[in-house]
PDB file of N, CA and C in Angstrom:
ATOM      1  N   MET A   1       8.675 -22.804  -4.914  1.00  0.00           N
ATOM      2  CA  MET A   1       8.748 -21.607  -5.064  1.00  0.00           C
ATOM      3  C   MET A   1       7.906 -21.274  -6.331  1.00  0.00           C
ATOM      4  N   THR A   2       7.231 -20.171  -6.227  1.00  0.00           N
ATOM      5  CA  THR A   2       6.110 -19.746  -7.329  1.00  0.00           C
ATOM      6  C   THR A   2       7.045 -18.944  -8.507  1.00  0.00           C
ATOM      7  N   THR A   3       6.280 -18.664  -9.321  1.00  0.00           N
ATOM      8  CA  THR A   3       6.852 -17.867 -10.539  1.00  0.00           C
ATOM      9  C   THR A   3       7.278 -16.342 -10.105  1.00  0.00           C
ATOM     10  N   TYR A   4       6.330 -15.659  -9.438  1.00  0.00           N
ATOM     11  CA  TYR A   4       6.624 -14.392  -8.892  1.00  0.00           C
ATOM     12  C   TYR A   4       6.662 -14.336  -7.403  1.00  0.00           C
ATOM     13  N   ALA A   5       8.284 -14.774  -7.419  1.00  0.00           N
ATOM     14  CA  ALA A   5       8.544 -14.483  -6.175  1.00  0.00           C
ATOM     15  C   ALA A   5       9.617 -13.330  -6.061  1.00  0.00           C
ATOM     16  N   GLY A   6      10.034 -12.693  -5.029  1.00  0.00           N
ATOM     17  CA  GLY A   6      10.906 -11.581  -4.826  1.00  0.00           C
ATOM     18  C   GLY A   6      10.994 -10.735  -5.796  1.00  0.00           C
ATOM     19  N   ARG A   7      11.695 -10.400  -6.401  1.00  0.00           N
ATOM     20  CA  ARG A   7      12.040  -9.088  -7.294  1.00  0.00           C
ATOM     21  C   ARG A   7      11.023  -9.148  -8.657  1.00  0.00           C
ATOM     22  N   SER A   8      10.763 -10.358  -8.723  1.00  0.00           N
ATOM     23  CA  SER A   8       9.509 -10.298  -9.751  1.00  0.00           C
ATOM     24  C   SER A   8       8.579 -10.216  -9.497  1.00  0.00           C
ATOM     25  N   ALA A   9       7.920 -10.342  -8.272  1.00  0.00           N
ATOM     26  CA  ALA A   9       6.518  -9.661  -7.988  1.00  0.00           C
ATOM     27  C   ALA A   9       6.561  -8.011  -7.992  1.00  0.00           C
ATOM     28  N   ALA A  10       7.672  -7.149  -7.819  1.00  0.00           N
ATOM     29  CA  ALA A  10       7.610  -5.816  -7.820  1.00  0.00           C
ATOM     30  C   ALA A  10       7.861  -5.302  -9.255  1.00  0.00           C
ATOM     31  N   LEU A  11       8.468  -6.281 -10.205  1.00  0.00           N
ATOM     32  CA  LEU A  11       8.446  -6.293 -11.827  1.00  0.00           C
ATOM     33  C   LEU A  11       7.356  -6.246 -12.476  1.00  0.00           C
ATOM     34  N   TYR A  12       6.523  -7.573 -11.530  1.00  0.00           N
ATOM     35  CA  TYR A  12       5.128  -7.285 -12.308  1.00  0.00           C
ATOM     36  C   TYR A  12       3.872  -5.979 -12.493  1.00  0.00           C
ATOM     37  N   ASP A  13       4.443  -5.068 -11.168  1.00  0.00           N
ATOM     38  CA  ASP A  13       3.671  -4.147 -11.429  1.00  0.00           C
ATOM     39  C   ASP A  13       4.352  -3.233 -12.306  1.00  0.00           C
ATOM     40  N   ARG A  14       5.499  -3.294 -12.354  1.00  0.00           N
ATOM     41  CA  ARG A  14       6.366  -1.992 -13.554  1.00  0.00           C
ATOM     42  C   ARG A  14       5.865  -2.643 -14.872  1.00  0.00           C
ATOM     43  N   LEU A  15       5.671  -3.805 -15.194  1.00  0.00           N
ATOM     44  CA  LEU A  15       5.446  -4.547 -16.397  1.00  0.00           C
ATOM     45  C   LEU A  15       3.893  -3.928 -16.635  1.00  0.00           C
ATOM     46  N   TYR A  16       2.751  -4.107 -15.937  1.00  0.00           N
ATOM     47  CA  TYR A  16       1.698  -4.060 -16.152  1.00  0.00           C
ATOM     48  C   TYR A  16       1.060  -2.285 -15.393  1.00  0.00           C
ATOM     49  N   ALA A  17       2.250  -1.476 -15.353  1.00  0.00           N
ATOM     50  CA  ALA A  17       1.727  -0.096 -15.128  1.00  0.00           C
ATOM     51  C   ALA A  17       1.043   0.701 -15.621  1.00  0.00           C
ATOM     52  N   GLY A  18       0.708   0.307 -17.122  1.00  0.00           N
ATOM     53  CA  GLY A  18      -0.237   1.086 -18.212  1.00  0.00           C
ATOM     54  C   GLY A  18      -1.617   0.150 -18.084  1.00  0.00           C
ATOM     55  N   LYS A  19      -1.615  -0.720 -17.615  1.00  0.00           N
ATOM     56  CA  LYS A  19      -2.619  -1.694 -17.909  1.00  0.00           C
ATOM     57  C   LYS A  19      -4.055  -1.044 -17.042  1.00  0.00           C
ATOM     58  N   ASP A  20      -5.248  -0.934 -17.816  1.00  0.00           N
ATOM     59  CA  ASP A  20      -6.287  -0.263 -17.167  1.00  0.00           C
ATOM     60  C   ASP A  20      -7.151  -1.143 -16.642  1.00  0.00           C
ATOM     61  N   TYR A  21      -6.384  -1.407 -14.894  1.00  0.00           N
ATOM     62  CA  TYR A  21      -7.485  -2.223 -14.365  1.00  0.00           C
ATOM     63  C   TYR A  21      -8.691  -1.653 -13.765  1.00  0.00           C
ATOM     64  N   ALA A  22      -8.653  -0.364 -13.861  1.00  0.00           N
ATOM     65  CA  ALA A  22     -10.155   0.305 -13.607  1.00  0.00           C
ATOM     66  C   ALA A  22     -11.083  -0.316 -14.710  1.00  0.00           C
ATOM     67  N   GLY A  23     -10.655   0.042 -15.803  1.00  0.00           N
ATOM     68  CA  GLY A  23     -11.728  -0.238 -16.969  1.00  0.00           C
ATOM     69  C   GLY A  23     -12.034  -1.680 -16.780  1.00  0.00           C
ATOM     70  N   GLU A  24     -11.065  -2.606 -16.993  1.00  0.00           N
ATOM     71  CA  GLU A  24     -11.327  -4.127 -16.881  1.00  0.00           C
ATOM     72  C   GLU A  24     -12.050  -4.483 -15.620  1.00  0.00           C
ATOM     73  N   ALA A  25     -11.899  -3.793 -14.308  1.00  0.00           N
ATOM     74  CA  ALA A  25     -12.740  -4.463 -13.438  1.00  0.00           C
ATOM     75  C   ALA A  25     -14.103  -3.660 -13.391  1.00  0.00           C
ATOM     76  N   ALA A  26     -14.178  -2.518 -14.327  1.00  0.00           N
ATOM     77  CA  ALA A  26     -15.838  -2.251 -14.405  1.00  0.00           C
ATOM     78  C   ALA A  26     -16.216  -2.940 -15.271  1.00  0.00           C
ATOM     79  N   ALA A  27     -15.686  -3.332 -16.548  1.00  0.00           N
ATOM     80  CA  ALA A  27     -16.400  -4.668 -17.360  1.00  0.00           C
ATOM     81  C   ALA A  27     -16.558  -5.780 -16.674  1.00  0.00           C
ATOM     82  N   ALA A  28     -15.810  -6.211 -16.069  1.00  0.00           N
ATOM     83  CA  ALA A  28     -15.905  -7.515 -15.035  1.00  0.00           C
ATOM     84  C   ALA A  28     -17.223  -7.463 -14.305  1.00  0.00           C
ATOM     85  N   ALA A  29     -17.266  -6.257 -13.697  1.00  0.00           N
ATOM     86  CA  ALA A  29     -18.486  -6.079 -12.470  1.00  0.00           C
ATOM     87  C   ALA A  29     -19.634  -6.117 -13.395  1.00  0.00           C
ATOM     88  N   ALA A  30     -19.744  -5.362 -14.520  1.00  0.00           N
ATOM     89  CA  ALA A  30     -21.081  -5.455 -15.493  1.00  0.00           C
ATOM     90  C   ALA A  30     -21.488  -6.461 -15.897  1.00  0.00           C
ATOM     91  N   LEU A  31     -20.384  -7.680 -16.426  1.00  0.00           N
ATOM     92  CA  LEU A  31     -20.822  -9.048 -16.876  1.00  0.00           C
ATOM     93  C   LEU A  31     -21.320  -9.606 -15.474  1.00  0.00           C
ATOM     94  N   LEU A  32     -20.597  -9.639 -14.337  1.00  0.00           N
ATOM     95  CA  LEU A  32     -21.165 -10.464 -13.386  1.00  0.00           C
ATOM     96  C   LEU A  32     -22.510  -9.558 -13.045  1.00  0.00           C
ATOM     97  N   ARG A  33     -22.667  -8.552 -12.942  1.00  0.00           N
ATOM     98  CA  ARG A  33     -24.090  -8.311 -12.761  1.00  0.00           C
ATOM     99  C   ARG A  33     -25.305  -8.651 -13.894  1.00  0.00           C
ATOM    100  N   GLN A  34     -24.584  -8.692 -14.937  1.00  0.00           N
ATOM    101  CA  GLN A  34     -25.598  -9.014 -16.049  1.00  0.00           C
ATOM    102  C   GLN A  34     -25.713 -10.573 -15.993  1.00  0.00           C
ATOM    103  N   HIS A  35     -25.098 -11.194 -15.904  1.00  0.00           N
ATOM    104  CA  HIS A  35     -25.194 -13.123 -15.818  1.00  0.00           C
ATOM    105  C   HIS A  35     -25.676 -13.339 -14.403  1.00  0.00           C
ATOM    106  N   ALA A  36     -25.666 -12.628 -13.011  1.00  0.00           N
ATOM    107  CA  ALA A  36     -25.744 -13.092 -11.863  1.00  0.00           C
ATOM    108  C   ALA A  36     -27.388 -13.331 -11.900  1.00  0.00           C
ATOM    109  N   ARG A  37     -27.691 -14.332 -10.675  1.00  0.00           N
ATOM    110  CA  ARG A  37     -28.900 -14.414 -10.721  1.00  0.00           C
ATOM    111  C   ARG A  37     -29.759 -13.660  -9.548  1.00  0.00           C
ATOM    112  N   GLY A  38     -28.919 -12.796  -8.840  1.00  0.00           N
ATOM    113  CA  GLY A  38     -29.400 -11.765  -7.898  1.00  0.00           C
ATOM    114  C   GLY A  38     -28.138 -10.456  -7.858  1.00  0.00           C
ATOM    115  N   PRO A  39     -28.538  -9.977  -6.858  1.00  0.00           N
ATOM    116  CA  PRO A  39     -27.233  -8.712  -6.609  1.00  0.00           C
ATOM    117  C   PRO A  39     -26.184  -9.383  -6.325  1.00  0.00           C
ATOM    118  N   VAL A  40     -25.150  -8.875  -6.840  1.00  0.00           N
ATOM    119  CA  VAL A  40     -23.435  -9.043  -6.861  1.00  0.00           C
ATOM    120  C   VAL A  40     -23.103  -8.204  -5.781  1.00  0.00           C
ATOM    121  N   ARG A  41     -22.597  -9.144  -4.784  1.00  0.00           N
ATOM    122  CA  ARG A  41     -21.545  -8.311  -3.474  1.00  0.00           C
ATOM    123  C   ARG A  41     -20.636  -9.180  -3.061  1.00  0.00           C
ATOM    124  N   ARG A  42     -20.645 -10.594  -3.497  1.00  0.00           N
ATOM    125  CA  ARG A  42     -18.996 -11.248  -2.996  1.00  0.00           C
ATOM    126  C   ARG A  42     -18.717 -11.593  -4.223  1.00  0.00           C
ATOM    127  N   VAL A  43     -17.257 -11.117  -4.470  1.00  0.00           N
ATOM    128  CA  VAL A  43     -16.798 -11.628  -5.863  1.00  0.00           C
ATOM    129  C   VAL A  43     -15.062 -12.631  -5.349  1.00  0.00           C
ATOM    130  N   LEU A  44     -15.029 -13.552  -5.851  1.00  0.00           N
ATOM    131  CA  LEU A  44     -13.736 -14.606  -5.899  1.00  0.00           C
ATOM    132  C   LEU A  44     -12.741 -14.245  -6.926  1.00  0.00           C
ATOM    133  N   GLU A  45     -11.737 -13.419  -6.578  1.00  0.00           N
ATOM    134  CA  GLU A  45     -11.043 -13.636  -7.593  1.00  0.00           C
ATOM    135  C   GLU A  45      -9.310 -14.458  -7.703  1.00  0.00           C
ATOM    136  N   LEU A  46      -9.268 -15.352  -8.681  1.00  0.00           N
ATOM    137  CA  LEU A  46      -8.261 -16.546  -8.583  1.00  0.00           C
ATOM    138  C   LEU A  46      -7.278 -15.702  -9.621  1.00  0.00           C
ATOM    139  N   ALA A  47      -5.805 -15.766  -8.906  1.00  0.00           N
ATOM    140  CA  ALA A  47      -4.474 -15.381  -9.651  1.00  0.00           C
ATOM    141  C   ALA A  47      -4.874 -13.811  -9.746  1.00  0.00           C
ATOM    142  N   CYS A  48      -4.886 -13.334  -8.321  1.00  0.00           N
ATOM    143  CA  CYS A  48      -5.115 -11.655  -8.465  1.00  0.00           C
ATOM    144  C   CYS A  48      -3.690 -11.071  -8.463  1.00  0.00           C
ATOM    145  N   GLY A  49      -2.738 -11.819  -8.655  1.00  0.00           N
ATOM    146  CA  GLY A  49      -1.321 -10.934  -8.733  1.00  0.00           C
ATOM    147  C   GLY A  49      -1.364  -9.649  -7.341  1.00  0.00           C
ATOM    148  N   THR A  50      -0.691  -8.586  -8.091  1.00  0.00           N
ATOM    149  CA  THR A  50      -0.661  -7.469  -7.151  1.00  0.00           C
ATOM    150  C   THR A  50      -1.895  -6.871  -6.845  1.00  0.00           C
ATOM    151  N   GLY A  51      -3.339  -7.455  -7.291  1.00  0.00           N
ATOM    152  CA  GLY A  51      -4.348  -6.845  -6.534  1.00  0.00           C
ATOM    153  C   GLY A  51      -5.146  -5.691  -7.585  1.00  0.00           C
ATOM    154  N   GLY A  52      -4.393  -5.225  -8.527  1.00  0.00           N
ATOM    155  CA  GLY A  52      -5.123  -4.583  -9.380  1.00  0.00           C
ATOM    156  C   GLY A  52      -6.239  -4.226  -9.614  1.00  0.00           C
ATOM    157  N   HIS A  53      -7.051  -5.710  -9.952  1.00  0.00           N
ATOM    158  CA  HIS A  53      -8.588  -5.847 -10.414  1.00  0.00           C
ATOM    159  C   HIS A  53      -9.254  -5.293  -8.843  1.00  0.00           C
ATOM    160  N   ALA A  54      -8.797  -6.322  -8.216  1.00  0.00           N
ATOM    161  CA  ALA A  54      -9.230  -6.425  -6.750  1.00  0.00           C
ATOM    162  C   ALA A  54      -9.523  -5.357  -5.906  1.00  0.00           C
ATOM    163  N   LEU A  55      -8.404  -4.136  -6.232  1.00  0.00           N
ATOM    164  CA  LEU A  55      -8.520  -3.175  -5.384  1.00  0.00           C
ATOM    165  C   LEU A  55      -9.686  -2.167  -6.047  1.00  0.00           C
ATOM    166  N   HIS A  56     -10.148  -2.190  -7.513  1.00  0.00           N
ATOM    167  CA  HIS A  56     -11.261  -1.681  -8.030  1.00  0.00           C
ATOM    168  C   HIS A  56     -12.403  -2.125  -7.812  1.00  0.00           C
ATOM    169  N   LEU A  57     -12.500  -3.373  -7.931  1.00  0.00           N
ATOM    170  CA  LEU A  57     -13.744  -3.866  -7.497  1.00  0.00           C
ATOM    171  C   LEU A  57     -14.181  -3.947  -6.188  1.00  0.00           C
ATOM    172  N   ALA A  58     -13.097  -3.644  -5.177  1.00  0.00           N
ATOM    173  CA  ALA A  58     -13.506  -3.252  -3.682  1.00  0.00           C
ATOM    174  C   ALA A  58     -14.050  -1.851  -3.727  1.00  0.00           C
ATOM    175  N   ALA A  59     -13.444  -1.204  -4.714  1.00  0.00           N
ATOM    176  CA  ALA A  59     -13.847   0.323  -4.288  1.00  0.00           C
ATOM    177  C   ALA A  59     -15.113   0.634  -4.727  1.00  0.00           C
ATOM    178  N   ALA A  60     -15.715  -0.256  -5.998  1.00  0.00           N
ATOM    179  CA  ALA A  60     -16.919  -0.181  -5.974  1.00  0.00           C
ATOM    180  C   ALA A  60     -17.910  -0.744  -5.512  1.00  0.00           C
ATOM    181  N   GLY A  61     -17.357  -1.216  -4.088  1.00  0.00           N
ATOM    182  CA  GLY A  61     -18.446  -1.574  -3.126  1.00  0.00           C
ATOM    183  C   GLY A  61     -18.776  -2.991  -2.925  1.00  0.00           C
ATOM    184  N   LEU A  62     -17.889  -3.869  -3.643  1.00  0.00           N
ATOM    185  CA  LEU A  62     -18.044  -5.439  -3.643  1.00  0.00           C
ATOM    186  C   LEU A  62     -17.090  -5.777  -2.622  1.00  0.00           C
ATOM    187  N   ASP A  63     -17.629  -7.091  -1.699  1.00  0.00           N
ATOM    188  CA  ASP A  63     -17.194  -7.470  -0.969  1.00  0.00           C
ATOM    189  C   ASP A  63     -15.797  -8.581  -1.824  1.00  0.00           C
ATOM    190  N   VAL A  64     -14.588  -8.379  -1.862  1.00  0.00           N
ATOM    191  CA  VAL A  64     -13.430  -9.363  -2.544  1.00  0.00           C
ATOM    192  C   VAL A  64     -12.742  -9.913  -1.662  1.00  0.00           C
ATOM    193  N   VAL A  65     -12.457 -11.142  -2.198  1.00  0.00           N
ATOM    194  CA  VAL A  65     -11.676 -12.317  -1.624  1.00  0.00           C
ATOM    195  C   VAL A  65     -11.040 -12.317  -2.900  1.00  0.00           C
ATOM    196  N   ALA A  66      -9.412 -11.957  -2.964  1.00  0.00           N
ATOM    197  CA  ALA A  66      -8.545 -12.409  -4.008  1.00  0.00           C
ATOM    198  C   ALA A  66      -7.500 -13.012  -3.493  1.00  0.00           C
ATOM    199  N   THR A  67      -7.319 -14.333  -4.302  1.00  0.00           N
ATOM    200  CA  THR A  67      -6.336 -15.241  -4.099  1.00  0.00           C
ATOM    201  C   THR A  67      -5.063 -15.241  -5.182  1.00  0.00           C
ATOM    202  N   ASP A  68      -3.945 -15.719  -4.569  1.00  0.00           N
ATOM    203  CA  ASP A  68      -2.939 -15.939  -5.383  1.00  0.00           C
ATOM    204  C   ASP A  68      -2.097 -17.034  -4.826  1.00  0.00           C
ATOM    205  N   ARG A  69      -0.966 -17.746  -5.238  1.00  0.00           N
ATOM    206  CA  ARG A  69      -0.234 -18.757  -4.874  1.00  0.00           C
ATOM    207  C   ARG A  69       0.759 -18.084  -4.743  1.00  0.00           C
ATOM    208  N   SER A  70       1.215 -16.608  -4.724  1.00  0.00           N
ATOM    209  CA  SER A  70       2.775 -16.020  -4.753  1.00  0.00           C
ATOM    210  C   SER A  70       2.425 -15.230  -3.712  1.00  0.00           C
ATOM    211  N   ALA A  71       3.177 -15.753  -2.279  1.00  0.00           N
ATOM    212  CA  ALA A  71       2.858 -14.573  -1.161  1.00  0.00           C
ATOM    213  C   ALA A  71       3.679 -13.280  -0.996  1.00  0.00           C
ATOM    214  N   ASP A  72       4.642 -13.369  -2.452  1.00  0.00           N
ATOM    215  CA  ASP A  72       5.440 -11.842  -2.628  1.00  0.00           C
ATOM    216  C   ASP A  72       4.299 -10.911  -3.422  1.00  0.00           C
ATOM    217  N   MET A  73       3.717 -11.344  -4.311  1.00  0.00           N
ATOM    218  CA  MET A  73       2.487 -10.837  -4.810  1.00  0.00           C
ATOM    219  C   MET A  73       1.470 -10.346  -3.846  1.00  0.00           C
ATOM    220  N   LEU A  74       0.939 -11.203  -3.099  1.00  0.00           N
ATOM    221  CA  LEU A  74       0.026 -10.622  -2.095  1.00  0.00           C
ATOM    222  C   LEU A  74       0.512  -9.766  -1.210  1.00  0.00           C
ATOM    223  N   ALA A  75       1.770  -9.849  -1.047  1.00  0.00           N
ATOM    224  CA  ALA A  75       2.395  -8.703   0.112  1.00  0.00           C
ATOM    225  C   ALA A  75       2.315  -7.581  -0.494  1.00  0.00           C
ATOM    226  N   LEU A  76       2.611  -7.477  -1.670  1.00  0.00           N
ATOM    227  CA  LEU A  76       2.354  -6.098  -2.612  1.00  0.00           C
ATOM    228  C   LEU A  76       0.812  -5.516  -2.813  1.00  0.00           C
ATOM    229  N   ALA A  77      -0.222  -6.434  -2.848  1.00  0.00           N
ATOM    230  CA  ALA A  77      -1.513  -6.502  -2.854  1.00  0.00           C
ATOM    231  C   ALA A  77      -2.027  -5.855  -1.616  1.00  0.00           C
ATOM    232  N   ARG A  78      -1.632  -6.531  -0.810  1.00  0.00           N
ATOM    233  CA  ARG A  78      -2.040  -6.144   0.730  1.00  0.00           C
ATOM    234  C   ARG A  78      -1.289  -4.523   0.948  1.00  0.00           C
ATOM    235  N   ALA A  79      -0.226  -4.057   0.585  1.00  0.00           N
ATOM    236  CA  ALA A  79       0.454  -2.837   0.853  1.00  0.00           C
ATOM    237  C   ALA A  79      -0.305  -2.038   0.241  1.00  0.00           C
ATOM    238  N   LYS A  80      -0.870  -2.067  -1.105  1.00  0.00           N
ATOM    239  CA  LYS A  80      -1.486  -1.302  -1.800  1.00  0.00           C
ATOM    240  C   LYS A  80      -2.743  -1.108  -1.559  1.00  0.00           C
ATOM    241  N   ALA A  81      -3.464  -2.033  -0.938  1.00  0.00           N
ATOM    242  CA  ALA A  81      -4.897  -2.194  -0.333  1.00  0.00           C
ATOM    243  C   ALA A  81      -4.718  -1.048   0.989  1.00  0.00           C
ATOM    244  N   GLN A  82      -3.751  -1.295   1.793  1.00  0.00           N
ATOM    245  CA  GLN A  82      -3.782  -0.554   2.842  1.00  0.00           C
ATOM    246  C   GLN A  82      -3.515   0.818   2.516  1.00  0.00           C
ATOM    247  N   ALA A  83      -2.572   1.201   1.790  1.00  0.00           N
ATOM    248  CA  ALA A  83      -2.317   2.479   1.177  1.00  0.00           C
ATOM    249  C   ALA A  83      -3.730   3.186   0.487  1.00  0.00           C
ATOM    250  N   ALA A  84      -4.301   2.431  -0.142  1.00  0.00           N
ATOM    251  CA  ALA A  84      -5.776   2.884  -0.788  1.00  0.00           C
ATOM    252  C   ALA A  84      -6.896   3.348   0.233  1.00  0.00           C
ATOM    253  N   GLY A  85      -6.737   2.536   1.516  1.00  0.00           N
ATOM    254  CA  GLY A  85      -7.972   2.025   2.121  1.00  0.00           C
ATOM    255  C   GLY A  85      -8.825   1.111   1.480  1.00  0.00           C
ATOM    256  N   ALA A  86      -8.376   0.471   0.465  1.00  0.00           N
ATOM    257  CA  ALA A  86      -9.265  -0.416   0.068  1.00  0.00           C
ATOM    258  C   ALA A  86      -9.599  -1.822   0.869  1.00  0.00           C
ATOM    259  N   ARG A  87     -10.983  -2.174   1.102  1.00  0.00           N
ATOM    260  CA  ARG A  87     -11.266  -3.420   2.043  1.00  0.00           C
ATOM    261  C   ARG A  87     -11.317  -4.416   1.120  1.00  0.00           C
ATOM    262  N   ALA A  88     -10.478  -5.538   0.819  1.00  0.00           N
ATOM    263  CA  ALA A  88     -10.228  -6.668  -0.091  1.00  0.00           C
ATOM    264  C   ALA A  88      -9.304  -7.558   0.838  1.00  0.00           C
ATOM    265  N   ARG A  89      -9.947  -8.758   0.489  1.00  0.00           N
ATOM    266  CA  ARG A  89      -9.087  -9.960   1.525  1.00  0.00           C
ATOM    267  C   ARG A  89      -8.171 -10.628   0.613  1.00  0.00           C
ATOM    268  N   PHE A  90      -7.056 -10.739   0.861  1.00  0.00           N
ATOM    269  CA  PHE A  90      -5.772 -11.239  -0.233  1.00  0.00           C
ATOM    270  C   PHE A  90      -5.612 -12.819   0.900  1.00  0.00           C
ATOM    271  N   VAL A  91      -5.661 -13.817  -0.115  1.00  0.00           N
ATOM    272  CA  VAL A  91      -5.510 -15.121   0.387  1.00  0.00           C
ATOM    273  C   VAL A  91      -4.368 -15.781  -0.098  1.00  0.00           C
ATOM    274  N   GLU A  92      -3.678 -16.083   0.170  1.00  0.00           N
ATOM    275  CA  GLU A  92      -2.565 -17.336  -0.489  1.00  0.00           C
ATOM    276  C   GLU A  92      -3.190 -18.698  -0.414  1.00  0.00           C
ATOM    277  N   ALA A  93      -3.339 -18.924  -1.745  1.00  0.00           N
ATOM    278  CA  ALA A  93      -4.192 -20.497  -2.403  1.00  0.00           C
ATOM    279  C   ALA A  93      -3.606 -20.695  -3.740  1.00  0.00           C
ATOM    280  N   ASP A  94      -3.365 -22.094  -3.821  1.00  0.00           N
ATOM    281  CA  ASP A  94      -3.350 -22.213  -5.453  1.00  0.00           C
ATOM    282  C   ASP A  94      -5.192 -22.691  -6.013  1.00  0.00           C
ATOM    283  N   MET A  95      -5.194 -22.052  -6.898  1.00  0.00           N
ATOM    284  CA  MET A  95      -6.665 -22.085  -7.579  1.00  0.00           C
ATOM    285  C   MET A  95      -6.865 -23.520  -8.023  1.00  0.00           C
ATOM    286  N   CYS A  96      -5.768 -24.360  -8.211  1.00  0.00           N
ATOM    287  CA  CYS A  96      -6.051 -25.681  -8.738  1.00  0.00           C
ATOM    288  C   CYS A  96      -6.276 -26.478  -7.079  1.00  0.00           C
ATOM    289  N   ALA A  97      -6.202 -26.274  -6.371  1.00  0.00           N
ATOM    290  CA  ALA A  97      -6.500 -27.051  -5.044  1.00  0.00           C
ATOM    291  C   ALA A  97      -7.466 -26.267  -4.087  1.00  0.00           C
ATOM    292  N   LEU A  98      -8.045 -25.134  -4.948  1.00  0.00           N
ATOM    293  CA  LEU A  98      -8.932 -24.385  -3.972  1.00  0.00           C
ATOM    294  C   LEU A  98     -10.314 -24.822  -3.247  1.00  0.00           C
ATOM    295  N   ASP A  99     -10.608 -24.447  -2.172  1.00  0.00           N
ATOM    296  CA  ASP A  99     -11.857 -24.951  -1.811  1.00  0.00           C
ATOM    297  C   ASP A  99     -12.508 -23.579  -1.402  1.00  0.00           C
ATOM    298  N   ALA A 100     -13.523 -23.299  -2.040  1.00  0.00           N
ATOM    299  CA  ALA A 100     -14.039 -22.127  -1.912  1.00  0.00           C
ATOM    300  C   ALA A 100     -14.791 -21.793  -0.347  1.00  0.00           C
ATOM    301  N   ALA A 101     -15.367 -22.975  -0.130  1.00  0.00           N
ATOM    302  CA  ALA A 101     -15.783 -23.148   1.124  1.00  0.00           C
ATOM    303  C   ALA A 101     -15.102 -22.550   2.292  1.00  0.00           C
ATOM    304  N   ASP A 102     -13.693 -22.735   2.455  1.00  0.00           N
ATOM    305  CA  ASP A 102     -12.492 -22.584   2.765  1.00  0.00           C
ATOM    306  C   ASP A 102     -12.453 -20.738   2.940  1.00  0.00           C
ATOM    307  N   LEU A 103     -13.189 -20.036   2.168  1.00  0.00           N
ATOM    308  CA  LEU A 103     -12.899 -18.609   1.904  1.00  0.00           C
ATOM    309  C   LEU A 103     -14.071 -18.167   1.941  1.00  0.00           C
ATOM    310  N   GLY A 104     -15.371 -18.985   2.621  1.00  0.00           N
ATOM    311  CA  GLY A 104     -16.394 -18.379   3.073  1.00  0.00           C
ATOM    312  C   GLY A 104     -17.552 -18.134   2.076  1.00  0.00           C
ATOM    313  N   ALA A 105     -17.203 -19.129   1.239  1.00  0.00           N
ATOM    314  CA  ALA A 105     -18.663 -19.112  -0.091  1.00  0.00           C
ATOM    315  C   ALA A 105     -19.856 -19.230   0.596  1.00  0.00           C
ATOM    316  N   PRO A 106     -20.766 -18.870  -0.110  1.00  0.00           N
ATOM    317  CA  PRO A 106     -20.689 -18.922  -1.531  1.00  0.00           C
ATOM    318  C   PRO A 106     -20.338 -17.429  -1.926  1.00  0.00           C
ATOM    319  N   PHE A 107     -19.954 -17.290  -3.143  1.00  0.00           N
ATOM    320  CA  PHE A 107     -19.741 -15.992  -3.995  1.00  0.00           C
ATOM    321  C   PHE A 107     -20.555 -16.071  -5.050  1.00  0.00           C
ATOM    322  N   ASP A 108     -20.794 -14.652  -5.546  1.00  0.00           N
ATOM    323  CA  ASP A 108     -21.581 -14.360  -6.477  1.00  0.00           C
ATOM    324  C   ASP A 108     -21.216 -14.507  -7.874  1.00  0.00           C
TER     325      ASP A 108
END
């Protein structure tokens, strides 16, 4: 069982409802572009929760693969992506045992 299962996943969104996901995603994208060796197209997000950052990164035109070990968090992320028409891929994975090659690496 993960930490964010069942009702905890839904409460996560309520707890972070005021979080500036758009601003944080824009700052992360700017840092990626500043430090990348080339154009930034593909991004891997670890512990994505309910997809707040992933949705904004996808809306900015990035190809996003977002992972979390909580199936319930990912279910909410997928539902939000579908409602927003966002193209992000959400994968259940434990970041401690992740093989990026299984997710289509390389990432920028």
